[in-house]
């Protein structure tokens, strides 16, 4: 059965964490755990630091960041979100 490792050039290199973004086996794609991406400035998307030292998190923006990463990985694996089946589906 064909096996292919997916490491997207558009995302941070996951090999520093000793894993790939995804692995395809036959027609199945196994995606590694995804975390919130950093934006162009190097800050975690959906996180704001205020002058008083307070850090706030925008959960919606962080979720969107994870879905954007998933879309990039799926595209690199020649697939898309329409074919995703989450655990328990």
N, C-alpha and C. Protein backbone atom coordinates (compact mmCIF):
# COMPACT_ATOMS: atom_id res chain seq x y z
N UNK A 1 0.85 -1.18 0.00
CA UNK A 1 0.00 0.00 0.00
C UNK A 1 0.89 1.24 0.00
N UNK A 2 0.55 2.22 -0.82
CA UNK A 2 1.33 3.46 -0.90
C UNK A 2 1.26 4.23 0.41
N UNK A 3 2.41 4.76 0.80
CA UNK A 3 2.51 5.60 2.00
C UNK A 3 3.29 6.84 1.62
N UNK A 4 2.75 8.01 1.96
CA UNK A 4 3.43 9.26 1.63
C UNK A 4 3.40 10.18 2.83
N UNK A 5 4.54 10.80 3.12
CA UNK A 5 4.64 11.75 4.23
C UNK A 5 4.38 13.14 3.68
N UNK A 6 3.53 13.91 4.37
CA UNK A 6 3.18 15.26 3.95
C UNK A 6 3.85 16.26 4.91
N UNK A 7 4.69 17.12 4.35
CA UNK A 7 5.27 18.23 5.10
C UNK A 7 5.05 19.46 4.24
N UNK A 8 4.14 20.31 4.65
CA UNK A 8 3.76 21.48 3.86
C UNK A 8 4.81 22.57 3.96
N UNK A 9 5.17 23.12 2.82
CA UNK A 9 6.11 24.23 2.78
C UNK A 9 5.51 25.53 3.28
N UNK A 10 4.18 25.59 3.37
CA UNK A 10 3.50 26.81 3.82
C UNK A 10 3.39 26.90 5.34
N UNK A 11 3.65 25.81 6.04
CA UNK A 11 3.52 25.78 7.50
C UNK A 11 4.90 25.61 8.13
N UNK A 12 4.99 25.88 9.44
CA UNK A 12 6.24 25.65 10.15
C UNK A 12 6.68 24.20 9.97
N UNK A 13 7.97 23.99 9.87
CA UNK A 13 8.51 22.65 9.69
C UNK A 13 8.28 21.83 10.96
N UNK A 14 7.47 20.78 10.89
CA UNK A 14 7.14 20.00 12.09
C UNK A 14 8.24 19.04 12.50
N UNK A 15 9.27 18.88 11.66
CA UNK A 15 10.29 17.88 11.97
C UNK A 15 11.06 18.24 13.24
N UNK A 16 11.02 19.52 13.63
CA UNK A 16 11.67 19.88 14.90
C UNK A 16 10.92 19.25 16.07
N UNK A 17 9.68 18.80 15.82
CA UNK A 17 8.90 18.09 16.84
C UNK A 17 8.86 16.59 16.55
N UNK A 18 9.66 16.15 15.58
CA UNK A 18 9.81 14.74 15.24
C UNK A 18 8.54 14.10 14.67
N UNK A 19 7.77 14.86 13.91
CA UNK A 19 6.62 14.29 13.22
C UNK A 19 6.37 15.06 11.94
N UNK A 20 5.52 14.53 11.09
CA UNK A 20 5.15 15.21 9.86
C UNK A 20 3.79 15.87 10.06
N UNK A 21 3.36 16.65 9.07
CA UNK A 21 2.02 17.25 9.16
C UNK A 21 0.95 16.18 8.96
N UNK A 22 1.23 15.24 8.07
CA UNK A 22 0.27 14.17 7.80
C UNK A 22 0.98 13.02 7.11
N UNK A 23 0.31 11.88 7.10
CA UNK A 23 0.78 10.72 6.37
C UNK A 23 -0.42 10.18 5.61
N UNK A 24 -0.21 9.87 4.34
CA UNK A 24 -1.27 9.23 3.57
C UNK A 24 -0.94 7.75 3.45
N UNK A 25 -1.95 6.93 3.59
CA UNK A 25 -1.83 5.50 3.39
C UNK A 25 -3.01 5.10 2.53
N UNK A 26 -2.73 4.70 1.31
CA UNK A 26 -3.81 4.42 0.37
C UNK A 26 -4.62 5.69 0.16
N UNK A 27 -5.94 5.62 0.39
CA UNK A 27 -6.82 6.78 0.22
C UNK A 27 -7.09 7.51 1.53
N UNK A 28 -6.41 7.11 2.61
CA UNK A 28 -6.62 7.73 3.91
C UNK A 28 -5.52 8.74 4.21
N UNK A 29 -5.88 9.81 4.91
CA UNK A 29 -4.92 10.83 5.33
C UNK A 29 -5.00 10.94 6.84
N UNK A 30 -3.87 10.76 7.50
CA UNK A 30 -3.78 10.86 8.95
C UNK A 30 -3.04 12.15 9.26
N UNK A 31 -3.75 13.10 9.87
CA UNK A 31 -3.19 14.43 10.15
C UNK A 31 -2.73 14.47 11.60
N UNK A 32 -1.54 15.02 11.80
CA UNK A 32 -1.00 15.18 13.16
C UNK A 32 -1.82 16.22 13.91
N UNK A 33 -1.68 16.24 15.22
CA UNK A 33 -2.36 17.25 16.03
C UNK A 33 -1.97 18.65 15.58
N UNK A 34 -2.93 19.52 15.46
CA UNK A 34 -2.67 20.88 14.97
C UNK A 34 -2.81 21.88 16.11
N UNK A 35 -1.96 22.88 16.08
CA UNK A 35 -2.02 23.96 17.05
C UNK A 35 -2.15 25.28 16.31
N UNK A 36 -2.42 26.33 17.03
CA UNK A 36 -2.60 27.66 16.45
C UNK A 36 -1.29 28.10 15.79
N UNK A 37 -1.41 28.67 14.61
CA UNK A 37 -0.24 29.15 13.87
C UNK A 37 0.19 30.52 14.36
N UNK A 38 1.41 30.86 14.05
CA UNK A 38 1.92 32.21 14.31
C UNK A 38 1.63 33.08 13.10
N UNK A 39 1.36 34.36 13.34
CA UNK A 39 1.08 35.27 12.23
C UNK A 39 2.40 35.81 11.65
N UNK A 40 2.30 36.75 10.72
CA UNK A 40 3.47 37.29 10.03
C UNK A 40 4.48 37.91 11.00
N UNK A 41 4.02 38.41 12.13
CA UNK A 41 4.89 39.06 13.11
C UNK A 41 5.49 38.08 14.11
N UNK A 42 5.13 36.80 13.97
CA UNK A 42 5.64 35.79 14.89
C UNK A 42 4.81 35.60 16.13
N UNK A 43 3.66 36.28 16.20
CA UNK A 43 2.77 36.15 17.35
C UNK A 43 1.75 35.04 17.09
N UNK A 44 1.31 34.40 18.15
CA UNK A 44 0.29 33.37 18.02
C UNK A 44 -1.01 34.03 17.57
N UNK A 45 -1.58 33.52 16.47
CA UNK A 45 -2.83 34.09 15.95
C UNK A 45 -3.92 34.07 17.01
N UNK A 46 -4.65 35.17 17.10
CA UNK A 46 -5.75 35.26 18.05
C UNK A 46 -5.32 35.60 19.46
N UNK A 47 -4.05 35.96 19.65
CA UNK A 47 -3.55 36.33 20.97
C UNK A 47 -3.13 37.79 20.95
N UNK A 48 -3.55 38.55 21.93
CA UNK A 48 -3.18 39.97 22.03
C UNK A 48 -2.50 40.20 23.36
N UNK A 49 -1.43 40.98 23.32
CA UNK A 49 -0.72 41.39 24.55
C UNK A 49 -0.99 42.87 24.75
N UNK A 50 -1.49 43.23 25.92
CA UNK A 50 -1.85 44.60 26.24
C UNK A 50 -0.73 45.26 27.04
N UNK A 51 -0.66 46.60 27.01
CA UNK A 51 0.41 47.32 27.73
C UNK A 51 0.51 46.98 29.21
N UNK A 52 -0.61 46.61 29.83
CA UNK A 52 -0.57 46.28 31.26
C UNK A 52 -0.10 44.85 31.52
N UNK A 53 0.29 44.13 30.45
CA UNK A 53 0.79 42.76 30.59
C UNK A 53 -0.28 41.69 30.43
N UNK A 54 -1.53 42.10 30.28
CA UNK A 54 -2.62 41.16 30.09
C UNK A 54 -2.51 40.50 28.71
N UNK A 55 -2.77 39.21 28.67
CA UNK A 55 -2.81 38.48 27.41
C UNK A 55 -4.23 37.98 27.22
N UNK A 56 -4.82 38.28 26.07
CA UNK A 56 -6.17 37.80 25.78
C UNK A 56 -6.12 36.86 24.58
N UNK A 57 -7.09 35.97 24.53
CA UNK A 57 -7.15 34.97 23.46
C UNK A 57 -8.50 35.05 22.76
N UNK A 58 -8.46 35.07 21.44
CA UNK A 58 -9.66 35.04 20.63
C UNK A 58 -9.82 33.61 20.13
N UNK A 59 -10.65 32.84 20.82
CA UNK A 59 -10.83 31.43 20.50
C UNK A 59 -11.32 31.20 19.08
N UNK A 60 -12.17 32.08 18.59
CA UNK A 60 -12.67 31.93 17.22
C UNK A 60 -11.53 32.07 16.22
N UNK A 61 -10.68 33.08 16.40
CA UNK A 61 -9.55 33.30 15.49
C UNK A 61 -8.56 32.14 15.58
N UNK A 62 -8.36 31.61 16.78
CA UNK A 62 -7.45 30.48 16.93
C UNK A 62 -8.00 29.24 16.24
N UNK A 63 -9.30 29.01 16.37
CA UNK A 63 -9.94 27.88 15.67
C UNK A 63 -9.80 28.04 14.16
N UNK A 64 -10.06 29.26 13.66
CA UNK A 64 -9.92 29.52 12.22
C UNK A 64 -8.50 29.25 11.75
N UNK A 65 -7.51 29.60 12.55
CA UNK A 65 -6.10 29.36 12.22
C UNK A 65 -5.82 27.86 12.07
N UNK A 66 -6.38 27.07 12.97
CA UNK A 66 -6.19 25.62 12.90
C UNK A 66 -6.85 25.05 11.65
N UNK A 67 -8.07 25.52 11.33
CA UNK A 67 -8.76 25.04 10.13
C UNK A 67 -7.99 25.45 8.87
N UNK A 68 -7.42 26.65 8.85
CA UNK A 68 -6.60 27.09 7.71
C UNK A 68 -5.41 26.15 7.53
N UNK A 69 -4.77 25.77 8.63
CA UNK A 69 -3.64 24.83 8.56
C UNK A 69 -4.10 23.49 8.01
N UNK A 70 -5.24 23.02 8.48
CA UNK A 70 -5.79 21.75 8.01
C UNK A 70 -6.06 21.81 6.51
N UNK A 71 -6.63 22.91 6.04
CA UNK A 71 -6.89 23.06 4.61
C UNK A 71 -5.60 23.01 3.79
N UNK A 72 -4.55 23.64 4.29
CA UNK A 72 -3.25 23.62 3.59
C UNK A 72 -2.71 22.20 3.51
N UNK A 73 -2.76 21.48 4.62
CA UNK A 73 -2.27 20.10 4.65
C UNK A 73 -3.08 19.22 3.72
N UNK A 74 -4.40 19.35 3.77
CA UNK A 74 -5.24 18.54 2.89
C UNK A 74 -4.99 18.86 1.43
N UNK A 75 -4.79 20.12 1.10
CA UNK A 75 -4.47 20.50 -0.27
C UNK A 75 -3.18 19.82 -0.73
N UNK A 76 -2.16 19.84 0.14
CA UNK A 76 -0.89 19.19 -0.19
C UNK A 76 -1.04 17.68 -0.35
N UNK A 77 -2.06 17.12 0.31
CA UNK A 77 -2.35 15.69 0.21
C UNK A 77 -3.36 15.41 -0.89
N UNK A 78 -3.66 16.43 -1.70
CA UNK A 78 -4.61 16.33 -2.81
C UNK A 78 -6.01 15.97 -2.34
N UNK A 79 -6.45 16.67 -1.28
CA UNK A 79 -7.79 16.47 -0.74
C UNK A 79 -8.33 17.81 -0.28
N UNK A 80 -9.47 17.80 0.43
CA UNK A 80 -10.06 19.03 0.95
C UNK A 80 -10.99 18.73 2.11
N UNK A 81 -11.50 19.79 2.72
CA UNK A 81 -12.35 19.63 3.91
C UNK A 81 -13.63 18.84 3.66
N UNK A 82 -14.10 18.82 2.44
CA UNK A 82 -15.36 18.11 2.16
C UNK A 82 -15.23 16.61 2.40
N UNK A 83 -14.01 16.11 2.50
CA UNK A 83 -13.78 14.68 2.68
C UNK A 83 -13.35 14.32 4.09
N UNK A 84 -13.40 15.29 5.01
CA UNK A 84 -12.95 15.06 6.39
C UNK A 84 -14.03 14.35 7.20
N UNK A 85 -13.59 13.37 7.95
CA UNK A 85 -14.48 12.68 8.89
C UNK A 85 -13.77 12.72 10.24
N UNK A 86 -14.34 13.44 11.17
CA UNK A 86 -13.73 13.56 12.49
C UNK A 86 -14.03 12.30 13.31
N UNK A 87 -13.18 12.05 14.29
CA UNK A 87 -13.41 10.92 15.18
C UNK A 87 -14.79 11.04 15.80
N UNK A 88 -15.53 9.95 15.81
CA UNK A 88 -16.87 9.95 16.39
C UNK A 88 -17.95 10.32 15.38
N UNK A 89 -17.55 10.61 14.15
CA UNK A 89 -18.55 10.99 13.12
C UNK A 89 -19.31 9.78 12.66
